[in-house]
Amino acid sequence: MAADCPELGRFLRGEIPAADFPHREHVRMAFEMLKRHDFAETLLHYSRALRAMTAQAGRPQAFHQTVTVAFLSLIAERMEAAGAADFAAFAHENPDLIEKSALACWYSPERLASAAARRTFLLPDGAPHRAQLSGEPPAPATRSASQEAPRQ
């Protein structure tokens, strides 16, 4: 891997213990991978490395597909928008991503806690959560024509 980030090679080879890999390092490794690879390739290798890390720690159930994909998506989107030169600048410009709670405005706690969210990527259930975080009342729910009850 690139000489400017030897930790990335160690991460991909499974040489970093889970106990030495806090959330900020998750974000940093995602940033470094996304600098070098497209989203799909990053998702594959990043997920594989995290699964190996959790298995090596004896906690394979700790891997969470929805959190992984959602955070990678947010990081990729922010990188595309801002173009930070390095991780220090990226972290400074995006302090919310350094917090584990960053997904709270898109996902309810119940959805993230579900077994399905651990197994597969679930789309956000979130507009009301953004409003709750901002202090604004949630927008009224709208129904599509396909959701409306048949008329008699």
N, C-alpha and C. Protein backbone atom coordinates (compact mmCIF):
# COMPACT_ATOMS: atom_id res chain seq x y z
N MET A 1 0.85 -1.18 0.00
CA MET A 1 0.00 0.00 0.00
C MET A 1 0.90 1.24 0.00
N ALA A 2 0.31 2.38 -0.13
CA ALA A 2 1.06 3.63 -0.28
C ALA A 2 1.94 3.90 0.93
N ALA A 3 3.12 4.40 0.67
CA ALA A 3 4.07 4.70 1.74
C ALA A 3 3.57 5.81 2.65
N ASP A 4 2.67 6.67 2.13
CA ASP A 4 2.18 7.78 2.95
C ASP A 4 1.16 7.34 3.99
N CYS A 5 0.72 6.06 3.95
CA CYS A 5 -0.24 5.56 4.94
C CYS A 5 0.01 4.07 5.18
N PRO A 6 1.08 3.75 5.90
CA PRO A 6 1.38 2.33 6.13
C PRO A 6 0.29 1.61 6.93
N GLU A 7 -0.47 2.36 7.73
CA GLU A 7 -1.55 1.74 8.51
C GLU A 7 -2.62 1.14 7.61
N LEU A 8 -2.80 1.69 6.43
CA LEU A 8 -3.80 1.16 5.51
C LEU A 8 -3.43 -0.26 5.09
N GLY A 9 -2.19 -0.50 4.77
CA GLY A 9 -1.74 -1.85 4.45
C GLY A 9 -1.93 -2.79 5.62
N ARG A 10 -1.59 -2.33 6.80
CA ARG A 10 -1.77 -3.15 8.01
C ARG A 10 -3.24 -3.46 8.23
N PHE A 11 -4.11 -2.49 8.02
CA PHE A 11 -5.55 -2.69 8.17
C PHE A 11 -6.04 -3.76 7.19
N LEU A 12 -5.67 -3.64 5.95
CA LEU A 12 -6.12 -4.58 4.92
C LEU A 12 -5.56 -5.99 5.13
N ARG A 13 -4.39 -6.08 5.73
CA ARG A 13 -3.80 -7.39 6.00
C ARG A 13 -4.29 -7.99 7.32
N GLY A 14 -5.12 -7.26 8.04
CA GLY A 14 -5.64 -7.77 9.31
C GLY A 14 -4.67 -7.71 10.46
N GLU A 15 -3.75 -6.77 10.42
CA GLU A 15 -2.70 -6.68 11.43
C GLU A 15 -3.01 -5.70 12.55
N ILE A 16 -4.16 -5.04 12.50
CA ILE A 16 -4.52 -4.08 13.54
C ILE A 16 -5.59 -4.71 14.42
N PRO A 17 -5.32 -4.88 15.71
CA PRO A 17 -6.33 -5.44 16.61
C PRO A 17 -7.51 -4.49 16.76
N ALA A 18 -8.69 -5.06 16.92
CA ALA A 18 -9.91 -4.26 17.09
C ALA A 18 -9.77 -3.28 18.25
N ALA A 19 -9.10 -3.68 19.30
CA ALA A 19 -8.94 -2.82 20.48
C ALA A 19 -8.13 -1.55 20.16
N ASP A 20 -7.33 -1.60 19.10
CA ASP A 20 -6.51 -0.46 18.70
C ASP A 20 -7.10 0.28 17.50
N PHE A 21 -8.41 0.13 17.28
CA PHE A 21 -9.04 0.68 16.09
C PHE A 21 -10.31 1.44 16.45
N PRO A 22 -10.16 2.63 17.05
CA PRO A 22 -11.34 3.42 17.44
C PRO A 22 -12.05 3.99 16.20
N HIS A 23 -13.19 4.59 16.43
CA HIS A 23 -14.01 5.10 15.33
C HIS A 23 -13.24 6.06 14.42
N ARG A 24 -12.45 6.93 14.97
CA ARG A 24 -11.68 7.87 14.14
C ARG A 24 -10.80 7.12 13.14
N GLU A 25 -10.24 5.99 13.55
CA GLU A 25 -9.41 5.19 12.64
C GLU A 25 -10.26 4.52 11.57
N HIS A 26 -11.48 4.13 11.91
CA HIS A 26 -12.39 3.61 10.89
C HIS A 26 -12.58 4.66 9.79
N VAL A 27 -12.83 5.90 10.21
CA VAL A 27 -13.06 6.98 9.26
C VAL A 27 -11.79 7.26 8.46
N ARG A 28 -10.65 7.26 9.14
CA ARG A 28 -9.38 7.55 8.45
C ARG A 28 -9.06 6.48 7.41
N MET A 29 -9.24 5.20 7.76
CA MET A 29 -8.96 4.14 6.79
C MET A 29 -9.93 4.22 5.61
N ALA A 30 -11.19 4.54 5.88
CA ALA A 30 -12.15 4.71 4.79
C ALA A 30 -11.71 5.85 3.87
N PHE A 31 -11.31 6.97 4.46
CA PHE A 31 -10.83 8.12 3.69
C PHE A 31 -9.63 7.71 2.81
N GLU A 32 -8.68 7.04 3.41
CA GLU A 32 -7.47 6.65 2.67
C GLU A 32 -7.80 5.68 1.54
N MET A 33 -8.71 4.75 1.78
CA MET A 33 -9.10 3.82 0.72
C MET A 33 -9.84 4.53 -0.40
N LEU A 34 -10.75 5.42 -0.02
CA LEU A 34 -11.52 6.14 -1.04
C LEU A 34 -10.65 7.08 -1.87
N LYS A 35 -9.53 7.54 -1.32
CA LYS A 35 -8.59 8.35 -2.10
C LYS A 35 -7.95 7.52 -3.21
N ARG A 36 -7.84 6.22 -2.98
CA ARG A 36 -7.10 5.35 -3.87
C ARG A 36 -7.98 4.50 -4.79
N HIS A 37 -9.23 4.26 -4.38
CA HIS A 37 -10.09 3.33 -5.10
C HIS A 37 -11.50 3.91 -5.25
N ASP A 38 -12.26 3.36 -6.19
CA ASP A 38 -13.65 3.80 -6.31
C ASP A 38 -14.47 3.24 -5.15
N PHE A 39 -15.72 3.68 -5.07
CA PHE A 39 -16.56 3.32 -3.93
C PHE A 39 -16.79 1.81 -3.83
N ALA A 40 -17.14 1.18 -4.95
CA ALA A 40 -17.45 -0.26 -4.91
C ALA A 40 -16.25 -1.09 -4.46
N GLU A 41 -15.08 -0.78 -4.98
CA GLU A 41 -13.88 -1.51 -4.59
C GLU A 41 -13.55 -1.25 -3.11
N THR A 42 -13.69 -0.01 -2.69
CA THR A 42 -13.45 0.32 -1.28
C THR A 42 -14.40 -0.44 -0.39
N LEU A 43 -15.67 -0.45 -0.75
CA LEU A 43 -16.67 -1.14 0.07
C LEU A 43 -16.31 -2.61 0.23
N LEU A 44 -15.94 -3.26 -0.85
CA LEU A 44 -15.59 -4.68 -0.79
C LEU A 44 -14.41 -4.92 0.16
N HIS A 45 -13.32 -4.21 -0.06
CA HIS A 45 -12.10 -4.46 0.73
C HIS A 45 -12.21 -3.95 2.16
N TYR A 46 -12.86 -2.82 2.33
CA TYR A 46 -13.04 -2.27 3.68
C TYR A 46 -13.91 -3.21 4.51
N SER A 47 -15.02 -3.66 3.95
CA SER A 47 -15.90 -4.59 4.66
C SER A 47 -15.18 -5.89 4.99
N ARG A 48 -14.44 -6.39 4.04
CA ARG A 48 -13.69 -7.63 4.26
C ARG A 48 -12.70 -7.46 5.41
N ALA A 49 -12.00 -6.34 5.44
CA ALA A 49 -11.02 -6.10 6.51
C ALA A 49 -11.71 -5.95 7.87
N LEU A 50 -12.83 -5.26 7.90
CA LEU A 50 -13.55 -5.13 9.18
C LEU A 50 -14.09 -6.47 9.66
N ARG A 51 -14.62 -7.27 8.75
CA ARG A 51 -15.12 -8.60 9.12
C ARG A 51 -13.98 -9.46 9.69
N ALA A 52 -12.83 -9.40 9.06
CA ALA A 52 -11.68 -10.16 9.55
C ALA A 52 -11.26 -9.67 10.93
N MET A 53 -11.29 -8.37 11.12
CA MET A 53 -10.91 -7.79 12.41
C MET A 53 -11.87 -8.25 13.51
N THR A 54 -13.16 -8.20 13.25
CA THR A 54 -14.13 -8.60 14.28
C THR A 54 -14.04 -10.10 14.54
N ALA A 55 -13.79 -10.90 13.51
CA ALA A 55 -13.64 -12.34 13.70
C ALA A 55 -12.39 -12.65 14.52
N GLN A 56 -11.30 -11.96 14.21
CA GLN A 56 -10.05 -12.16 14.94
C GLN A 56 -10.21 -11.79 16.41
N ALA A 57 -11.07 -10.81 16.69
CA ALA A 57 -11.33 -10.40 18.06
C ALA A 57 -12.32 -11.33 18.76
N GLY A 58 -12.81 -12.34 18.03
CA GLY A 58 -13.78 -13.26 18.61
C GLY A 58 -15.19 -12.69 18.68
N ARG A 59 -15.45 -11.64 17.90
CA ARG A 59 -16.76 -10.98 17.89
C ARG A 59 -17.25 -10.73 16.47
N PRO A 60 -17.42 -11.78 15.68
CA PRO A 60 -17.85 -11.56 14.29
C PRO A 60 -19.20 -10.86 14.20
N GLN A 61 -20.04 -11.01 15.22
CA GLN A 61 -21.35 -10.36 15.24
C GLN A 61 -21.23 -8.84 15.38
N ALA A 62 -20.07 -8.33 15.70
CA ALA A 62 -19.88 -6.88 15.84
C ALA A 62 -19.89 -6.16 14.49
N PHE A 63 -19.62 -6.89 13.40
CA PHE A 63 -19.65 -6.25 12.09
C PHE A 63 -21.08 -5.81 11.78
N HIS A 64 -21.21 -4.59 11.28
CA HIS A 64 -22.54 -4.01 11.02
C HIS A 64 -22.57 -3.47 9.60
N GLN A 65 -23.28 -4.18 8.72
CA GLN A 65 -23.29 -3.82 7.30
C GLN A 65 -23.87 -2.44 7.04
N THR A 66 -24.99 -2.11 7.67
CA THR A 66 -25.62 -0.81 7.42
C THR A 66 -24.72 0.33 7.86
N VAL A 67 -24.15 0.23 9.04
CA VAL A 67 -23.26 1.30 9.52
C VAL A 67 -22.05 1.44 8.60
N THR A 68 -21.50 0.32 8.17
CA THR A 68 -20.32 0.36 7.29
C THR A 68 -20.64 1.05 5.97
N VAL A 69 -21.70 0.63 5.31
CA VAL A 69 -22.05 1.21 4.01
C VAL A 69 -22.46 2.68 4.16
N ALA A 70 -23.24 2.97 5.19
CA ALA A 70 -23.70 4.35 5.38
C ALA A 70 -22.54 5.29 5.65
N PHE A 71 -21.62 4.90 6.54
CA PHE A 71 -20.47 5.76 6.81
C PHE A 71 -19.59 5.91 5.57
N LEU A 72 -19.32 4.82 4.86
CA LEU A 72 -18.53 4.93 3.64
C LEU A 72 -19.20 5.88 2.64
N SER A 73 -20.51 5.78 2.54
CA SER A 73 -21.24 6.67 1.63
C SER A 73 -21.10 8.13 2.02
N LEU A 74 -21.26 8.41 3.30
CA LEU A 74 -21.11 9.79 3.78
C LEU A 74 -19.70 10.32 3.55
N ILE A 75 -18.73 9.49 3.85
CA ILE A 75 -17.33 9.91 3.68
C ILE A 75 -17.05 10.18 2.20
N ALA A 76 -17.49 9.28 1.33
CA ALA A 76 -17.27 9.46 -0.12
C ALA A 76 -17.96 10.72 -0.62
N GLU A 77 -19.19 10.95 -0.18
CA GLU A 77 -19.92 12.14 -0.61
C GLU A 77 -19.21 13.41 -0.15
N ARG A 78 -18.78 13.44 1.09
CA ARG A 78 -18.09 14.63 1.60
C ARG A 78 -16.75 14.83 0.90
N MET A 79 -16.05 13.76 0.61
CA MET A 79 -14.78 13.88 -0.11
C MET A 79 -15.01 14.47 -1.50
N GLU A 80 -16.06 14.02 -2.14
CA GLU A 80 -16.39 14.52 -3.48
C GLU A 80 -16.72 16.01 -3.44
N ALA A 81 -17.43 16.43 -2.41
CA ALA A 81 -17.87 17.82 -2.30
C ALA A 81 -16.74 18.77 -1.92
N ALA A 82 -15.86 18.33 -1.03
CA ALA A 82 -14.87 19.25 -0.47
C ALA A 82 -13.47 19.08 -1.04
N GLY A 83 -13.09 17.87 -1.37
CA GLY A 83 -11.76 17.65 -1.92
C GLY A 83 -10.63 17.92 -0.95
N ALA A 84 -10.78 17.53 0.31
CA ALA A 84 -9.72 17.74 1.31
C ALA A 84 -8.45 17.02 0.86
N ALA A 85 -7.33 17.67 1.06
CA ALA A 85 -6.05 17.13 0.60
C ALA A 85 -5.58 15.95 1.44
N ASP A 86 -5.91 15.97 2.73
CA ASP A 86 -5.47 14.89 3.60
C ASP A 86 -6.51 14.65 4.69
N PHE A 87 -6.28 13.61 5.49
CA PHE A 87 -7.28 13.26 6.49
C PHE A 87 -7.42 14.33 7.56
N ALA A 88 -6.34 14.97 7.95
CA ALA A 88 -6.44 16.01 8.98
C ALA A 88 -7.39 17.12 8.52
N ALA A 89 -7.25 17.55 7.28
CA ALA A 89 -8.14 18.58 6.74
C ALA A 89 -9.57 18.06 6.64
N PHE A 90 -9.73 16.83 6.19
CA PHE A 90 -11.06 16.23 6.07
C PHE A 90 -11.74 16.16 7.44
N ALA A 91 -11.03 15.68 8.43
CA ALA A 91 -11.60 15.56 9.78
C ALA A 91 -11.96 16.93 10.34
N HIS A 92 -11.13 17.92 10.07
CA HIS A 92 -11.41 19.28 10.54
C HIS A 92 -12.68 19.83 9.88
N GLU A 93 -12.86 19.55 8.59
CA GLU A 93 -14.02 20.04 7.83
C GLU A 93 -15.29 19.24 8.11
N ASN A 94 -15.14 18.03 8.65
CA ASN A 94 -16.28 17.13 8.86
C ASN A 94 -16.27 16.52 10.26
N PRO A 95 -16.28 17.34 11.29
CA PRO A 95 -16.18 16.79 12.64
C PRO A 95 -17.34 15.87 13.01
N ASP A 96 -18.49 16.04 12.38
CA ASP A 96 -19.63 15.16 12.68
C ASP A 96 -19.34 13.71 12.32
N LEU A 97 -18.50 13.46 11.31
CA LEU A 97 -18.20 12.09 10.91
C LEU A 97 -17.27 11.39 11.90
N ILE A 98 -16.62 12.17 12.73
CA ILE A 98 -15.72 11.58 13.72
C ILE A 98 -16.52 11.08 14.93
N GLU A 99 -17.78 11.43 14.97
CA GLU A 99 -18.67 10.97 16.03
C GLU A 99 -19.43 9.75 15.56
N LYS A 100 -19.51 8.72 16.39
CA LYS A 100 -20.27 7.51 16.04
C LYS A 100 -21.74 7.82 15.81
N SER A 101 -22.22 8.88 16.42
CA SER A 101 -23.64 9.24 16.33
C SER A 101 -24.01 9.94 15.02
N ALA A 102 -23.09 10.05 14.09
CA ALA A 102 -23.35 10.78 12.84
C ALA A 102 -24.54 10.25 12.06
N LEU A 103 -24.84 8.99 12.19
CA LEU A 103 -25.95 8.40 11.42
C LEU A 103 -27.30 8.65 12.05
N ALA A 104 -27.33 9.23 13.25
CA ALA A 104 -28.59 9.41 13.98
C ALA A 104 -29.59 10.30 13.25
N CYS A 105 -29.13 11.16 12.38
CA CYS A 105 -30.09 12.01 11.67
C CYS A 105 -30.68 11.31 10.45
N TRP A 106 -30.21 10.13 10.13
CA TRP A 106 -30.77 9.36 9.02
C TRP A 106 -31.44 8.06 9.47
N TYR A 107 -30.98 7.52 10.58
CA TYR A 107 -31.47 6.22 11.04
C TYR A 107 -32.02 6.31 12.46
N SER A 108 -33.11 5.62 12.68
CA SER A 108 -33.63 5.50 14.04
C SER A 108 -32.77 4.49 14.79
N PRO A 109 -32.69 4.62 16.11
CA PRO A 109 -31.94 3.63 16.89
C PRO A 109 -32.47 2.21 16.69
N GLU A 110 -33.79 2.08 16.55
CA GLU A 110 -34.39 0.77 16.37
C GLU A 110 -33.94 0.12 15.06
N ARG A 111 -33.87 0.91 14.02
CA ARG A 111 -33.47 0.37 12.72
C ARG A 111 -32.02 -0.10 12.77
N LEU A 112 -31.14 0.72 13.35
CA LEU A 112 -29.73 0.34 13.43
C LEU A 112 -29.51 -0.85 14.35
N ALA A 113 -30.37 -1.02 15.35
CA ALA A 113 -30.21 -2.12 16.29
C ALA A 113 -30.77 -3.44 15.75
N SER A 114 -31.42 -3.40 14.61
CA SER A 114 -32.06 -4.61 14.09
C SER A 114 -31.02 -5.60 13.55
N ALA A 115 -31.39 -6.86 13.62
CA ALA A 115 -30.54 -7.92 13.07
C ALA A 115 -30.37 -7.74 11.57
N ALA A 116 -31.42 -7.30 10.90
CA ALA A 116 -31.35 -7.09 9.45
C ALA A 116 -30.30 -6.03 9.10
N ALA A 117 -30.21 -4.97 9.90
CA ALA A 117 -29.23 -3.91 9.63
C ALA A 117 -27.81 -4.41 9.79
N ARG A 118 -27.60 -5.36 10.65
CA ARG A 118 -26.26 -5.95 10.80
C ARG A 118 -25.92 -6.83 9.60
N ARG A 119 -26.89 -7.55 9.09
CA ARG A 119 -26.66 -8.51 8.00
C ARG A 119 -26.53 -7.87 6.63
N THR A 120 -27.36 -6.86 6.37
CA THR A 120 -27.42 -6.27 5.03
C THR A 120 -27.61 -4.77 5.16
N PHE A 121 -27.36 -4.06 4.09
CA PHE A 121 -27.54 -2.61 4.13
C PHE A 121 -29.01 -2.27 4.06
N LEU A 122 -29.46 -1.47 5.01
CA LEU A 122 -30.82 -0.94 5.01
C LEU A 122 -30.77 0.54 4.69
N LEU A 123 -31.70 0.98 3.87
CA LEU A 123 -31.80 2.40 3.57
C LEU A 123 -32.22 3.17 4.82
N PRO A 124 -31.90 4.45 4.89
CA PRO A 124 -32.30 5.25 6.05
C PRO A 124 -33.81 5.32 6.20
N ASP A 125 -34.23 5.49 7.43
CA ASP A 125 -35.65 5.69 7.72
C ASP A 125 -35.88 7.08 8.26
N GLY A 126 -35.03 8.03 7.90
CA GLY A 126 -34.71 9.20 8.58
C GLY A 126 -35.20 10.59 8.54
N ALA A 127 -36.04 11.07 7.70
CA ALA A 127 -36.36 12.50 7.73
C ALA A 127 -36.84 12.97 9.10
N PRO A 128 -37.69 12.22 9.81
CA PRO A 128 -38.10 12.69 11.14
C PRO A 128 -36.94 12.84 12.10
N HIS A 129 -35.90 12.04 11.95
CA HIS A 129 -34.77 12.10 12.87
C HIS A 129 -33.96 13.37 12.65
N ARG A 130 -33.83 13.80 11.41
CA ARG A 130 -33.12 15.07 11.14
C ARG A 130 -33.86 16.21 11.83
N ALA A 131 -35.17 16.20 11.73
CA ALA A 131 -35.96 17.26 12.33
C ALA A 131 -35.81 17.24 13.85
N GLN A 132 -35.81 16.07 14.45
CA GLN A 132 -35.67 15.97 15.90
C GLN A 132 -34.32 16.52 16.34
N LEU A 133 -33.26 16.23 15.59
CA LEU A 133 -31.94 16.71 15.96
C LEU A 133 -31.84 18.22 15.82
N SER A 134 -32.55 18.80 14.86
CA SER A 134 -32.47 20.24 14.63
C SER A 134 -33.45 21.02 15.50
N GLY A 135 -34.36 20.30 16.17
CA GLY A 135 -35.36 20.97 17.00
C GLY A 135 -36.60 21.37 16.23
N GLU A 136 -36.64 21.07 14.92
CA GLU A 136 -37.80 21.39 14.11
C GLU A 136 -38.82 20.26 14.23
N PRO A 137 -40.10 20.60 14.09
CA PRO A 137 -41.09 19.52 14.10
C PRO A 137 -40.94 18.67 12.85
N PRO A 138 -41.21 17.36 12.94
CA PRO A 138 -41.09 16.52 11.75
C PRO A 138 -42.11 16.90 10.69
N ALA A 139 -41.73 16.72 9.46
CA ALA A 139 -42.64 16.99 8.35
C ALA A 139 -43.74 15.95 8.36
N PRO A 140 -44.94 16.33 7.94
CA PRO A 140 -46.01 15.34 7.91
C PRO A 140 -45.69 14.24 6.91
N ALA A 141 -46.10 13.04 7.25
CA ALA A 141 -45.86 11.90 6.36
C ALA A 141 -46.74 12.05 5.12
N THR A 142 -46.21 11.68 4.00
CA THR A 142 -46.99 11.70 2.76
C THR A 142 -47.12 10.27 2.28
N ARG A 143 -48.19 10.00 1.59
CA ARG A 143 -48.42 8.67 1.07
C ARG A 143 -48.42 8.74 -0.45
N SER A 144 -47.80 7.76 -1.04
CA SER A 144 -47.84 7.70 -2.50
C SER A 144 -49.16 7.08 -2.92
N ALA A 145 -49.48 7.20 -4.18
CA ALA A 145 -50.73 6.64 -4.70
C ALA A 145 -50.79 5.14 -4.47
N SER A 146 -49.64 4.47 -4.53
CA SER A 146 -49.63 3.02 -4.34
C SER A 146 -49.87 2.62 -2.88
N GLN A 147 -49.71 3.54 -1.94
CA GLN A 147 -49.91 3.26 -0.52
C GLN A 147 -51.33 3.58 -0.06
N GLU A 148 -52.07 4.32 -0.83
CA GLU A 148 -53.40 4.73 -0.40
C GLU A 148 -54.35 3.55 -0.45
N ALA A 149 -55.31 3.57 0.45
CA ALA A 149 -56.32 2.52 0.50
C ALA A 149 -57.19 2.60 -0.74
N PRO A 150 -57.62 1.45 -1.26
CA PRO A 150 -58.50 1.48 -2.44
C PRO A 150 -59.82 2.16 -2.10
N ARG A 151 -60.31 2.89 -3.05
CA ARG A 151 -61.58 3.58 -2.86
C ARG A 151 -62.73 2.67 -3.23
N GLN A 152 -63.81 2.78 -2.49
CA GLN A 152 -65.00 1.93 -2.71
C GLN A 152 -66.01 2.64 -3.54
